[in-house]
Amino acid sequence: MKRENMYRDWKGISYRNVFYAKLNNLFRVCKCIERKTGYKWMLITQNLVKNGLSSN
């Protein structure tokens, strides 16, 4: 009986961990994309500022 409960708890924990691992992975992917696009936008704005300053 005790072993059964332990097994059930372990199963629940493992499922939960898989779920959180997937969430974490998704979050990491989003962060990576955000960082890449953010970097691109930073370069674009820097170029715009440079062009704006040089044109004046």
PDB file of N, CA and C in Angstrom:
ATOM      1  N   MET A   1       0.847  -1.207   0.000  1.00  0.00           N
ATOM      2  CA  MET A   1       0.000   0.000   0.000  1.00  0.00           C
ATOM      3  C   MET A   1       0.878   1.251   0.000  1.00  0.00           C
ATOM      4  N   LYS A   2       1.856   1.243   0.900  1.00  0.00           N
ATOM      5  CA  LYS A   2       2.719   2.414   1.006  1.00  0.00           C
ATOM      6  C   LYS A   2       3.499   2.623  -0.297  1.00  0.00           C
ATOM      7  N   ARG A   3       4.002   1.528  -0.840  1.00  0.00           N
ATOM      8  CA  ARG A   3       4.778   1.610  -2.066  1.00  0.00           C
ATOM      9  C   ARG A   3       3.913   2.141  -3.214  1.00  0.00           C
ATOM     10  N   GLU A   4       2.659   1.733  -3.226  1.00  0.00           N
ATOM     11  CA  GLU A   4       1.730   2.175  -4.266  1.00  0.00           C
ATOM     12  C   GLU A   4       1.562   3.698  -4.211  1.00  0.00           C
ATOM     13  N   ASN A   5       1.386   4.208  -2.998  1.00  0.00           N
ATOM     14  CA  ASN A   5       1.231   5.652  -2.826  1.00  0.00           C
ATOM     15  C   ASN A   5       2.480   6.395  -3.284  1.00  0.00           C
ATOM     16  N   MET A   6       3.628   5.849  -2.918  1.00  0.00           N
ATOM     17  CA  MET A   6       4.883   6.466  -3.320  1.00  0.00           C
ATOM     18  C   MET A   6       4.983   6.494  -4.840  1.00  0.00           C
ATOM     19  N   TYR A   7       4.595   5.400  -5.460  1.00  0.00           N
ATOM     20  CA  TYR A   7       4.661   5.318  -6.922  1.00  0.00           C
ATOM     21  C   TYR A   7       3.729   6.335  -7.558  1.00  0.00           C
ATOM     22  N   ARG A   8       2.530   6.452  -6.984  1.00  0.00           N
ATOM     23  CA  ARG A   8       1.558   7.399  -7.530  1.00  0.00           C
ATOM     24  C   ARG A   8       2.085   8.833  -7.381  1.00  0.00           C
ATOM     25  N   ASP A   9       2.650   9.134  -6.229  1.00  0.00           N
ATOM     26  CA  ASP A   9       3.215  10.465  -6.005  1.00  0.00           C
ATOM     27  C   ASP A   9       4.345  10.730  -6.988  1.00  0.00           C
ATOM     28  N   TRP A  10       5.193   9.718  -7.170  1.00  0.00           N
ATOM     29  CA  TRP A  10       6.325   9.872  -8.080  1.00  0.00           C
ATOM     30  C   TRP A  10       5.828  10.134  -9.497  1.00  0.00           C
ATOM     31  N   LYS A  11       4.771   9.418  -9.897  1.00  0.00           N
ATOM     32  CA  LYS A  11       4.197   9.612 -11.221  1.00  0.00           C
ATOM     33  C   LYS A  11       3.666  11.038 -11.363  1.00  0.00           C
ATOM     34  N   GLY A  12       2.950  11.490 -10.342  1.00  0.00           N
ATOM     35  CA  GLY A  12       2.409  12.844 -10.370  1.00  0.00           C
ATOM     36  C   GLY A  12       3.517  13.876 -10.465  1.00  0.00           C
ATOM     37  N   ILE A  13       4.557  13.658  -9.675  1.00  0.00           N
ATOM     38  CA  ILE A  13       5.686  14.585  -9.674  1.00  0.00           C
ATOM     39  C   ILE A  13       6.370  14.583 -11.038  1.00  0.00           C
ATOM     40  N   SER A  14       6.551  13.385 -11.600  1.00  0.00           N
ATOM     41  CA  SER A  14       7.237  13.300 -12.890  1.00  0.00           C
ATOM     42  C   SER A  14       6.432  13.992 -13.977  1.00  0.00           C
ATOM     43  N   TYR A  15       5.114  13.800 -13.958  1.00  0.00           N
ATOM     44  CA  TYR A  15       4.276  14.473 -14.952  1.00  0.00           C
ATOM     45  C   TYR A  15       4.371  15.981 -14.791  1.00  0.00           C
ATOM     46  N   ARG A  16       4.347  16.427 -13.558  1.00  0.00           N
ATOM     47  CA  ARG A  16       4.425  17.856 -13.271  1.00  0.00           C
ATOM     48  C   ARG A  16       5.769  18.408 -13.753  1.00  0.00           C
ATOM     49  N   ASN A  17       6.835  17.644 -13.487  1.00  0.00           N
ATOM     50  CA  ASN A  17       8.164  18.089 -13.904  1.00  0.00           C
ATOM     51  C   ASN A  17       8.271  18.186 -15.414  1.00  0.00           C
ATOM     52  N   VAL A  18       7.668  17.228 -16.107  1.00  0.00           N
ATOM     53  CA  VAL A  18       7.680  17.262 -17.574  1.00  0.00           C
ATOM     54  C   VAL A  18       6.947  18.505 -18.052  1.00  0.00           C
ATOM     55  N   PHE A  19       5.805  18.785 -17.430  1.00  0.00           N
ATOM     56  CA  PHE A  19       5.008  19.958 -17.794  1.00  0.00           C
ATOM     57  C   PHE A  19       5.808  21.241 -17.582  1.00  0.00           C
ATOM     58  N   TYR A  20       6.449  21.341 -16.406  1.00  0.00           N
ATOM     59  CA  TYR A  20       7.229  22.541 -16.109  1.00  0.00           C
ATOM     60  C   TYR A  20       8.449  22.645 -17.017  1.00  0.00           C
ATOM     61  N   ALA A  21       9.044  21.500 -17.347  1.00  0.00           N
ATOM     62  CA  ALA A  21      10.203  21.505 -18.242  1.00  0.00           C
ATOM     63  C   ALA A  21       9.798  22.039 -19.608  1.00  0.00           C
ATOM     64  N   LYS A  22       8.614  21.612 -20.081  1.00  0.00           N
ATOM     65  CA  LYS A  22       8.116  22.093 -21.370  1.00  0.00           C
ATOM     66  C   LYS A  22       7.846  23.588 -21.309  1.00  0.00           C
ATOM     67  N   LEU A  23       7.222  24.030 -20.227  1.00  0.00           N
ATOM     68  CA  LEU A  23       6.940  25.458 -20.055  1.00  0.00           C
ATOM     69  C   LEU A  23       8.235  26.254 -20.041  1.00  0.00           C
ATOM     70  N   ASN A  24       9.206  25.746 -19.286  1.00  0.00           N
ATOM     71  CA  ASN A  24      10.495  26.414 -19.156  1.00  0.00           C
ATOM     72  C   ASN A  24      11.186  26.504 -20.507  1.00  0.00           C
ATOM     73  N   ASN A  25      11.094  25.412 -21.273  1.00  0.00           N
ATOM     74  CA  ASN A  25      11.707  25.373 -22.592  1.00  0.00           C
ATOM     75  C   ASN A  25      11.068  26.414 -23.501  1.00  0.00           C
ATOM     76  N   LEU A  26       9.743  26.479 -23.460  1.00  0.00           N
ATOM     77  CA  LEU A  26       8.998  27.443 -24.266  1.00  0.00           C
ATOM     78  C   LEU A  26       9.412  28.864 -23.889  1.00  0.00           C
ATOM     79  N   PHE A  27       9.510  29.097 -22.575  1.00  0.00           N
ATOM     80  CA  PHE A  27       9.903  30.406 -22.068  1.00  0.00           C
ATOM     81  C   PHE A  27      11.295  30.778 -22.567  1.00  0.00           C
ATOM     82  N   ARG A  28      12.208  29.774 -22.543  1.00  0.00           N
ATOM     83  CA  ARG A  28      13.579  30.011 -22.972  1.00  0.00           C
ATOM     84  C   ARG A  28      13.619  30.356 -24.459  1.00  0.00           C
ATOM     85  N   VAL A  29      12.817  29.635 -25.244  1.00  0.00           N
ATOM     86  CA  VAL A  29      12.750  29.888 -26.689  1.00  0.00           C
ATOM     87  C   VAL A  29      12.232  31.300 -26.944  1.00  0.00           C
ATOM     88  N   CYS A  30      11.181  31.683 -26.216  1.00  0.00           N
ATOM     89  CA  CYS A  30      10.617  33.024 -26.366  1.00  0.00           C
ATOM     90  C   CYS A  30      11.655  34.078 -26.005  1.00  0.00           C
ATOM     91  N   LYS A  31      12.387  33.836 -24.924  1.00  0.00           N
ATOM     92  CA  LYS A  31      13.414  34.769 -24.483  1.00  0.00           C
ATOM     93  C   LYS A  31      14.487  34.908 -25.551  1.00  0.00           C
ATOM     94  N   CYS A  32      14.863  33.772 -26.147  1.00  0.00           N
ATOM     95  CA  CYS A  32      15.893  33.762 -27.182  1.00  0.00           C
ATOM     96  C   CYS A  32      15.433  34.584 -28.379  1.00  0.00           C
ATOM     97  N   ILE A  33      14.205  34.356 -28.814  1.00  0.00           N
ATOM     98  CA  ILE A  33      13.641  35.092 -29.950  1.00  0.00           C
ATOM     99  C   ILE A  33      13.580  36.576 -29.618  1.00  0.00           C
ATOM    100  N   GLU A  34      13.121  36.866 -28.406  1.00  0.00           N
ATOM    101  CA  GLU A  34      12.989  38.253 -27.956  1.00  0.00           C
ATOM    102  C   GLU A  34      14.346  38.940 -27.966  1.00  0.00           C
ATOM    103  N   ARG A  35      15.374  38.228 -27.516  1.00  0.00           N
ATOM    104  CA  ARG A  35      16.711  38.793 -27.451  1.00  0.00           C
ATOM    105  C   ARG A  35      17.217  39.087 -28.864  1.00  0.00           C
ATOM    106  N   LYS A  36      16.982  38.126 -29.774  1.00  0.00           N
ATOM    107  CA  LYS A  36      17.441  38.302 -31.153  1.00  0.00           C
ATOM    108  C   LYS A  36      16.739  39.473 -31.827  1.00  0.00           C
ATOM    109  N   THR A  37      15.406  39.527 -31.695  1.00  0.00           N
ATOM    110  CA  THR A  37      14.659  40.613 -32.325  1.00  0.00           C
ATOM    111  C   THR A  37      14.986  41.937 -31.643  1.00  0.00           C
ATOM    112  N   GLY A  38      15.141  41.902 -30.328  1.00  0.00           N
ATOM    113  CA  GLY A  38      15.492  43.111 -29.584  1.00  0.00           C
ATOM    114  C   GLY A  38      16.830  43.658 -30.047  1.00  0.00           C
ATOM    115  N   TYR A  39      17.772  42.748 -30.269  1.00  0.00           N
ATOM    116  CA  TYR A  39      19.098  43.149 -30.743  1.00  0.00           C
ATOM    117  C   TYR A  39      18.983  43.781 -32.122  1.00  0.00           C
ATOM    118  N   LYS A  40      18.159  43.167 -32.984  1.00  0.00           N
ATOM    119  CA  LYS A  40      17.939  43.696 -34.334  1.00  0.00           C
ATOM    120  C   LYS A  40      17.369  45.107 -34.256  1.00  0.00           C
ATOM    121  N   TRP A  41      16.327  45.261 -33.410  1.00  0.00           N
ATOM    122  CA  TRP A  41      15.699  46.583 -33.278  1.00  0.00           C
ATOM    123  C   TRP A  41      16.679  47.611 -32.735  1.00  0.00           C
ATOM    124  N   MET A  42      17.562  47.163 -31.837  1.00  0.00           N
ATOM    125  CA  MET A  42      18.559  48.061 -31.274  1.00  0.00           C
ATOM    126  C   MET A  42      19.481  48.552 -32.386  1.00  0.00           C
ATOM    127  N   LEU A  43      19.922  47.624 -33.254  1.00  0.00           N
ATOM    128  CA  LEU A  43      20.794  47.994 -34.371  1.00  0.00           C
ATOM    129  C   LEU A  43      20.080  48.948 -35.318  1.00  0.00           C
ATOM    130  N   ILE A  44      18.804  48.646 -35.601  1.00  0.00           N
ATOM    131  CA  ILE A  44      18.021  49.493 -36.509  1.00  0.00           C
ATOM    132  C   ILE A  44      17.892  50.905 -35.944  1.00  0.00           C
ATOM    133  N   THR A  45      17.552  51.002 -34.658  1.00  0.00           N
ATOM    134  CA  THR A  45      17.383  52.330 -34.047  1.00  0.00           C
ATOM    135  C   THR A  45      18.713  53.071 -33.999  1.00  0.00           C
ATOM    136  N   GLN A  46      19.807  52.334 -33.731  1.00  0.00           N
ATOM    137  CA  GLN A  46      21.131  52.968 -33.716  1.00  0.00           C
ATOM    138  C   GLN A  46      21.450  53.534 -35.089  1.00  0.00           C
ATOM    139  N   ASN A  47      21.148  52.747 -36.131  1.00  0.00           N
ATOM    140  CA  ASN A  47      21.398  53.205 -37.498  1.00  0.00           C
ATOM    141  C   ASN A  47      20.549  54.424 -37.823  1.00  0.00           C
ATOM    142  N   LEU A  48      19.285  54.396 -37.396  1.00  0.00           N
ATOM    143  CA  LEU A  48      18.388  55.528 -37.643  1.00  0.00           C
ATOM    144  C   LEU A  48      18.921  56.783 -36.963  1.00  0.00           C
ATOM    145  N   VAL A  49      19.364  56.619 -35.716  1.00  0.00           N
ATOM    146  CA  VAL A  49      19.891  57.762 -34.969  1.00  0.00           C
ATOM    147  C   VAL A  49      21.141  58.296 -35.655  1.00  0.00           C
ATOM    148  N   LYS A  50      22.032  57.377 -36.064  1.00  0.00           N
ATOM    149  CA  LYS A  50      23.262  57.786 -36.753  1.00  0.00           C
ATOM    150  C   LYS A  50      22.931  58.536 -38.035  1.00  0.00           C
ATOM    151  N   ASN A  51      22.021  57.973 -38.815  1.00  0.00           N
ATOM    152  CA  ASN A  51      21.630  58.599 -40.083  1.00  0.00           C
ATOM    153  C   ASN A  51      20.978  59.954 -39.832  1.00  0.00           C
ATOM    154  N   GLY A  52      20.136  60.007 -38.805  1.00  0.00           N
ATOM    155  CA  GLY A  52      19.454  61.255 -38.474  1.00  0.00           C
ATOM    156  C   GLY A  52      20.444  62.325 -38.059  1.00  0.00           C
ATOM    157  N   LEU A  53      21.458  61.937 -37.261  1.00  0.00           N
ATOM    158  CA  LEU A  53      22.459  62.895 -36.806  1.00  0.00           C
ATOM    159  C   LEU A  53      23.340  63.344 -37.961  1.00  0.00           C
ATOM    160  N   SER A  54      23.706  62.404 -38.835  1.00  0.00           N
ATOM    161  CA  SER A  54      24.617  62.746 -39.935  1.00  0.00           C
ATOM    162  C   SER A  54      23.920  63.590 -41.000  1.00  0.00           C
ATOM    163  N   SER A  55      22.601  63.399 -41.158  1.00  0.00           N
ATOM    164  CA  SER A  55      21.872  64.136 -42.200  1.00  0.00           C
ATOM    165  C   SER A  55      21.650  65.591 -41.793  1.00  0.00           C
ATOM    166  N   ASN A  56      21.575  65.856 -40.489  1.00  0.00           N
ATOM    167  CA  ASN A  56      21.313  67.228 -40.027  1.00  0.00           C
ATOM    168  C   ASN A  56      22.540  68.111 -40.170  1.00  0.00           C
TER     169      ASN A  56
END
